[in-house]
Amino acid sequence: MHKMMGRVAALVFAGSLALAGCAGSNGDVGTPGQPGNDGNDGFPGFSTASGLHIELTSVTINPDNTVSVRFKMKDDRGYPVDRNGVYSINDPTKPIAPRFGIAYIT
């Protein structure tokens, strides 16, 4: 027990010594580097679209008889639409809430 307390005290002392040794003033600012290459064009921001296209990619009936639907949403210009409105023009305070109906006909 006494040995362990000595080790803990040594670790605390070493840690405080290391932290004190890290303090110092900032050095001089270095020379600026070369400019980088131009990036790729992104999607047009806040474009107006008049339609929403939904593509069903899979429909699965799960073992508990619930149904899972995977889909993609795009505007009429072919740009992706995200449900929460982070990357697309829909209002982020009113996320898109898709709902699907399914029927079993005999």
N, C-alpha and C. Protein backbone atom coordinates (compact mmCIF):
# COMPACT_ATOMS: atom_id res chain seq x y z
N MET A 1 0.83 -1.19 0.00
CA MET A 1 0.00 0.00 0.00
C MET A 1 0.88 1.25 0.00
N HIS A 2 1.94 1.22 0.85
CA HIS A 2 2.84 2.37 0.94
C HIS A 2 3.56 2.58 -0.39
N LYS A 3 3.94 1.45 -1.05
CA LYS A 3 4.61 1.54 -2.34
C LYS A 3 3.70 2.18 -3.39
N MET A 4 2.43 1.79 -3.35
CA MET A 4 1.47 2.31 -4.32
C MET A 4 1.26 3.81 -4.14
N MET A 5 1.19 4.26 -2.91
CA MET A 5 1.02 5.69 -2.64
C MET A 5 2.23 6.47 -3.15
N GLY A 6 3.42 5.89 -2.99
CA GLY A 6 4.63 6.53 -3.48
C GLY A 6 4.63 6.64 -5.00
N ARG A 7 4.13 5.59 -5.68
CA ARG A 7 4.04 5.62 -7.14
C ARG A 7 3.04 6.66 -7.62
N VAL A 8 1.91 6.73 -6.95
CA VAL A 8 0.89 7.72 -7.30
C VAL A 8 1.44 9.13 -7.12
N ALA A 9 2.14 9.36 -6.01
CA ALA A 9 2.72 10.68 -5.76
C ALA A 9 3.76 11.01 -6.83
N ALA A 10 4.56 10.02 -7.24
CA ALA A 10 5.58 10.24 -8.27
C ALA A 10 4.92 10.57 -9.60
N LEU A 11 3.82 9.88 -9.93
CA LEU A 11 3.10 10.15 -11.19
C LEU A 11 2.49 11.54 -11.18
N VAL A 12 1.90 11.94 -10.06
CA VAL A 12 1.32 13.28 -9.95
C VAL A 12 2.40 14.34 -10.09
N PHE A 13 3.53 14.13 -9.45
CA PHE A 13 4.64 15.07 -9.54
C PHE A 13 5.16 15.15 -10.98
N ALA A 14 5.33 14.00 -11.64
CA ALA A 14 5.82 13.99 -13.02
C ALA A 14 4.83 14.68 -13.96
N GLY A 15 3.53 14.45 -13.73
CA GLY A 15 2.52 15.10 -14.57
C GLY A 15 2.51 16.60 -14.40
N SER A 16 2.62 17.06 -13.16
CA SER A 16 2.63 18.51 -12.93
C SER A 16 3.90 19.14 -13.49
N LEU A 17 5.01 18.43 -13.41
CA LEU A 17 6.27 18.91 -13.98
C LEU A 17 6.17 19.01 -15.50
N ALA A 18 5.54 18.00 -16.13
CA ALA A 18 5.37 18.01 -17.58
C ALA A 18 4.47 19.16 -18.01
N LEU A 19 3.39 19.39 -17.28
CA LEU A 19 2.48 20.49 -17.63
C LEU A 19 3.16 21.83 -17.46
N ALA A 20 3.97 22.00 -16.43
CA ALA A 20 4.67 23.26 -16.21
C ALA A 20 5.71 23.48 -17.29
N GLY A 21 6.34 22.41 -17.77
CA GLY A 21 7.35 22.54 -18.82
C GLY A 21 6.76 22.87 -20.17
N CYS A 22 5.46 22.66 -20.37
CA CYS A 22 4.82 22.94 -21.66
C CYS A 22 4.45 24.40 -21.82
N ALA A 23 4.44 25.15 -20.76
CA ALA A 23 4.03 26.56 -20.84
C ALA A 23 5.15 27.37 -21.47
N GLY A 24 4.78 28.33 -22.27
CA GLY A 24 5.77 29.19 -22.90
C GLY A 24 5.08 30.16 -23.84
N SER A 25 5.83 31.10 -24.36
CA SER A 25 5.23 32.06 -25.28
C SER A 25 5.22 31.49 -26.69
N ASN A 26 4.33 32.01 -27.52
CA ASN A 26 4.24 31.59 -28.91
C ASN A 26 5.44 32.13 -29.69
N GLY A 27 5.85 31.38 -30.69
CA GLY A 27 6.97 31.80 -31.53
C GLY A 27 6.52 32.77 -32.61
N ASP A 28 7.47 33.17 -33.45
CA ASP A 28 7.16 34.06 -34.56
C ASP A 28 6.29 33.35 -35.58
N VAL A 29 5.52 34.14 -36.30
CA VAL A 29 4.66 33.61 -37.35
C VAL A 29 5.53 33.19 -38.53
N GLY A 30 5.26 32.03 -39.11
CA GLY A 30 6.02 31.54 -40.24
C GLY A 30 5.60 32.21 -41.54
N THR A 31 6.33 31.92 -42.60
CA THR A 31 6.01 32.49 -43.91
C THR A 31 4.81 31.76 -44.49
N PRO A 32 3.94 32.47 -45.22
CA PRO A 32 2.77 31.82 -45.82
C PRO A 32 3.19 30.79 -46.87
N GLY A 33 2.41 29.74 -47.00
CA GLY A 33 2.68 28.70 -48.00
C GLY A 33 2.10 29.08 -49.35
N GLN A 34 2.30 28.19 -50.31
CA GLN A 34 1.78 28.40 -51.66
C GLN A 34 0.27 28.20 -51.67
N PRO A 35 -0.46 28.94 -52.52
CA PRO A 35 -1.91 28.73 -52.60
C PRO A 35 -2.23 27.34 -53.13
N GLY A 36 -3.31 26.78 -52.68
CA GLY A 36 -3.72 25.45 -53.12
C GLY A 36 -4.45 25.49 -54.45
N ASN A 37 -4.75 24.32 -54.97
CA ASN A 37 -5.49 24.20 -56.22
C ASN A 37 -6.95 24.56 -56.00
N ASP A 38 -7.62 25.02 -57.06
CA ASP A 38 -9.05 25.30 -56.98
C ASP A 38 -9.80 23.99 -56.76
N GLY A 39 -10.85 24.05 -55.98
CA GLY A 39 -11.68 22.87 -55.73
C GLY A 39 -12.70 22.65 -56.83
N ASN A 40 -13.43 21.55 -56.72
CA ASN A 40 -14.49 21.24 -57.67
C ASN A 40 -15.71 22.11 -57.39
N ASP A 41 -16.48 22.38 -58.42
CA ASP A 41 -17.72 23.12 -58.24
C ASP A 41 -18.68 22.29 -57.39
N GLY A 42 -19.37 22.94 -56.48
CA GLY A 42 -20.34 22.27 -55.64
C GLY A 42 -21.73 22.39 -56.21
N PHE A 43 -22.71 21.98 -55.44
CA PHE A 43 -24.10 22.12 -55.86
C PHE A 43 -24.49 23.58 -55.75
N PRO A 44 -25.36 24.06 -56.63
CA PRO A 44 -25.80 25.45 -56.51
C PRO A 44 -26.57 25.64 -55.21
N GLY A 45 -26.26 26.69 -54.49
CA GLY A 45 -26.91 26.93 -53.21
C GLY A 45 -28.28 27.53 -53.36
N PHE A 46 -29.19 27.06 -52.59
CA PHE A 46 -30.54 27.60 -52.50
C PHE A 46 -31.20 27.77 -53.87
N SER A 47 -31.11 26.72 -54.68
CA SER A 47 -31.80 26.77 -55.96
C SER A 47 -33.28 26.54 -55.74
N THR A 48 -34.08 27.07 -56.60
CA THR A 48 -35.52 26.85 -56.48
C THR A 48 -35.91 25.68 -57.35
N ALA A 49 -36.72 24.83 -56.83
CA ALA A 49 -37.18 23.66 -57.55
C ALA A 49 -38.68 23.57 -57.41
N SER A 50 -39.31 22.99 -58.40
CA SER A 50 -40.77 22.93 -58.36
C SER A 50 -41.31 21.54 -58.08
N GLY A 51 -40.44 20.58 -57.88
CA GLY A 51 -40.95 19.24 -57.65
C GLY A 51 -40.03 18.40 -56.80
N LEU A 52 -40.57 17.31 -56.31
CA LEU A 52 -39.82 16.38 -55.49
C LEU A 52 -39.99 15.00 -56.09
N HIS A 53 -38.87 14.33 -56.37
CA HIS A 53 -38.90 12.99 -56.95
C HIS A 53 -38.40 12.01 -55.90
N ILE A 54 -39.18 10.97 -55.65
CA ILE A 54 -38.81 9.96 -54.67
C ILE A 54 -38.61 8.64 -55.40
N GLU A 55 -37.44 8.04 -55.19
CA GLU A 55 -37.12 6.76 -55.80
C GLU A 55 -37.01 5.72 -54.68
N LEU A 56 -37.89 4.73 -54.72
CA LEU A 56 -37.82 3.64 -53.75
C LEU A 56 -36.67 2.73 -54.14
N THR A 57 -35.74 2.50 -53.22
CA THR A 57 -34.61 1.63 -53.52
C THR A 57 -34.80 0.23 -52.95
N SER A 58 -35.59 0.09 -51.88
CA SER A 58 -35.91 -1.24 -51.36
C SER A 58 -37.08 -1.15 -50.40
N VAL A 59 -37.85 -2.23 -50.37
CA VAL A 59 -38.94 -2.39 -49.41
C VAL A 59 -38.76 -3.77 -48.80
N THR A 60 -38.73 -3.83 -47.46
CA THR A 60 -38.47 -5.09 -46.77
C THR A 60 -39.55 -5.33 -45.72
N ILE A 61 -40.07 -6.55 -45.70
CA ILE A 61 -40.98 -6.95 -44.62
C ILE A 61 -40.13 -7.68 -43.60
N ASN A 62 -40.04 -7.12 -42.41
CA ASN A 62 -39.20 -7.65 -41.35
C ASN A 62 -39.87 -8.84 -40.66
N PRO A 63 -39.12 -9.66 -39.92
CA PRO A 63 -39.71 -10.81 -39.22
C PRO A 63 -40.85 -10.45 -38.27
N ASP A 64 -40.83 -9.21 -37.73
CA ASP A 64 -41.92 -8.81 -36.82
C ASP A 64 -43.09 -8.17 -37.57
N ASN A 65 -43.11 -8.33 -38.92
CA ASN A 65 -44.16 -7.83 -39.81
C ASN A 65 -44.19 -6.31 -39.94
N THR A 66 -43.15 -5.61 -39.48
CA THR A 66 -43.04 -4.19 -39.80
C THR A 66 -42.39 -4.07 -41.18
N VAL A 67 -42.59 -2.93 -41.80
CA VAL A 67 -42.07 -2.72 -43.15
C VAL A 67 -41.01 -1.62 -43.11
N SER A 68 -39.86 -1.88 -43.74
CA SER A 68 -38.80 -0.88 -43.86
C SER A 68 -38.73 -0.43 -45.32
N VAL A 69 -38.67 0.88 -45.52
CA VAL A 69 -38.60 1.45 -46.86
C VAL A 69 -37.34 2.29 -46.96
N ARG A 70 -36.51 2.04 -47.96
CA ARG A 70 -35.32 2.86 -48.25
C ARG A 70 -35.63 3.62 -49.53
N PHE A 71 -35.27 4.91 -49.55
CA PHE A 71 -35.60 5.72 -50.71
C PHE A 71 -34.60 6.86 -50.85
N LYS A 72 -34.60 7.48 -52.03
CA LYS A 72 -33.80 8.67 -52.31
C LYS A 72 -34.74 9.78 -52.73
N MET A 73 -34.43 11.01 -52.28
CA MET A 73 -35.23 12.18 -52.67
C MET A 73 -34.36 13.13 -53.47
N LYS A 74 -34.89 13.61 -54.60
CA LYS A 74 -34.20 14.60 -55.43
C LYS A 74 -35.21 15.65 -55.86
N ASP A 75 -34.69 16.86 -56.14
CA ASP A 75 -35.58 17.88 -56.68
C ASP A 75 -35.72 17.66 -58.18
N ASP A 76 -36.52 18.50 -58.85
CA ASP A 76 -36.78 18.29 -60.27
C ASP A 76 -35.56 18.55 -61.15
N ARG A 77 -34.49 19.11 -60.58
CA ARG A 77 -33.25 19.31 -61.33
C ARG A 77 -32.27 18.17 -61.09
N GLY A 78 -32.63 17.21 -60.24
CA GLY A 78 -31.79 16.04 -59.99
C GLY A 78 -30.86 16.18 -58.80
N TYR A 79 -30.96 17.29 -58.05
CA TYR A 79 -30.10 17.48 -56.89
C TYR A 79 -30.71 16.79 -55.67
N PRO A 80 -29.87 16.16 -54.83
CA PRO A 80 -30.39 15.48 -53.64
C PRO A 80 -31.09 16.45 -52.69
N VAL A 81 -32.10 15.96 -52.02
CA VAL A 81 -32.83 16.72 -51.00
C VAL A 81 -32.67 15.95 -49.69
N ASP A 82 -32.17 16.62 -48.66
CA ASP A 82 -32.06 15.93 -47.38
C ASP A 82 -33.29 16.21 -46.54
N ARG A 83 -33.67 15.23 -45.77
CA ARG A 83 -34.91 15.29 -44.99
C ARG A 83 -34.93 16.43 -43.98
N ASN A 84 -33.77 16.75 -43.40
CA ASN A 84 -33.71 17.77 -42.34
C ASN A 84 -33.47 19.18 -42.85
N GLY A 85 -33.24 19.37 -44.14
CA GLY A 85 -33.06 20.71 -44.68
C GLY A 85 -31.71 21.33 -44.38
N VAL A 86 -30.72 20.53 -44.06
CA VAL A 86 -29.38 21.06 -43.76
C VAL A 86 -28.67 21.44 -45.05
N TYR A 87 -28.75 20.58 -46.07
CA TYR A 87 -28.03 20.80 -47.31
C TYR A 87 -28.93 21.22 -48.46
N SER A 88 -30.19 21.28 -48.27
CA SER A 88 -31.13 21.65 -49.33
C SER A 88 -32.02 22.79 -48.86
N ILE A 89 -32.88 23.27 -49.73
CA ILE A 89 -33.61 24.51 -49.48
C ILE A 89 -34.80 24.36 -48.54
N ASN A 90 -35.25 23.13 -48.26
CA ASN A 90 -36.41 23.00 -47.38
C ASN A 90 -36.13 23.58 -46.00
N ASP A 91 -37.17 24.01 -45.35
CA ASP A 91 -37.08 24.70 -44.06
C ASP A 91 -36.59 23.75 -42.97
N PRO A 92 -35.40 24.02 -42.36
CA PRO A 92 -34.87 23.10 -41.34
C PRO A 92 -35.71 23.02 -40.07
N THR A 93 -36.61 24.01 -39.86
CA THR A 93 -37.48 23.92 -38.68
C THR A 93 -38.68 23.01 -38.94
N LYS A 94 -38.88 22.63 -40.20
CA LYS A 94 -39.98 21.74 -40.57
C LYS A 94 -39.43 20.62 -41.44
N PRO A 95 -38.76 19.63 -40.84
CA PRO A 95 -38.18 18.56 -41.65
C PRO A 95 -39.24 17.79 -42.42
N ILE A 96 -38.84 17.28 -43.57
CA ILE A 96 -39.74 16.46 -44.38
C ILE A 96 -39.99 15.16 -43.62
N ALA A 97 -41.25 14.81 -43.46
CA ALA A 97 -41.62 13.60 -42.72
C ALA A 97 -42.35 12.65 -43.67
N PRO A 98 -41.60 11.87 -44.44
CA PRO A 98 -42.27 10.98 -45.39
C PRO A 98 -43.07 9.88 -44.69
N ARG A 99 -44.21 9.55 -45.27
CA ARG A 99 -45.05 8.49 -44.77
C ARG A 99 -45.47 7.62 -45.96
N PHE A 100 -45.50 6.35 -45.75
CA PHE A 100 -45.86 5.42 -46.81
C PHE A 100 -47.04 4.59 -46.37
N GLY A 101 -47.94 4.33 -47.30
CA GLY A 101 -49.06 3.45 -47.04
C GLY A 101 -48.83 2.12 -47.72
N ILE A 102 -49.26 1.06 -47.10
CA ILE A 102 -49.11 -0.26 -47.68
C ILE A 102 -50.40 -1.02 -47.48
N ALA A 103 -50.76 -1.81 -48.47
CA ALA A 103 -52.00 -2.57 -48.39
C ALA A 103 -51.73 -4.00 -48.82
N TYR A 104 -52.54 -4.89 -48.30
CA TYR A 104 -52.47 -6.30 -48.68
C TYR A 104 -53.82 -6.64 -49.30
N ILE A 105 -53.78 -6.99 -50.58
CA ILE A 105 -55.01 -7.30 -51.29
C ILE A 105 -55.04 -8.79 -51.58
N THR A 106 -56.17 -9.43 -51.25
CA THR A 106 -56.27 -10.86 -51.51
C THR A 106 -57.22 -11.12 -52.63
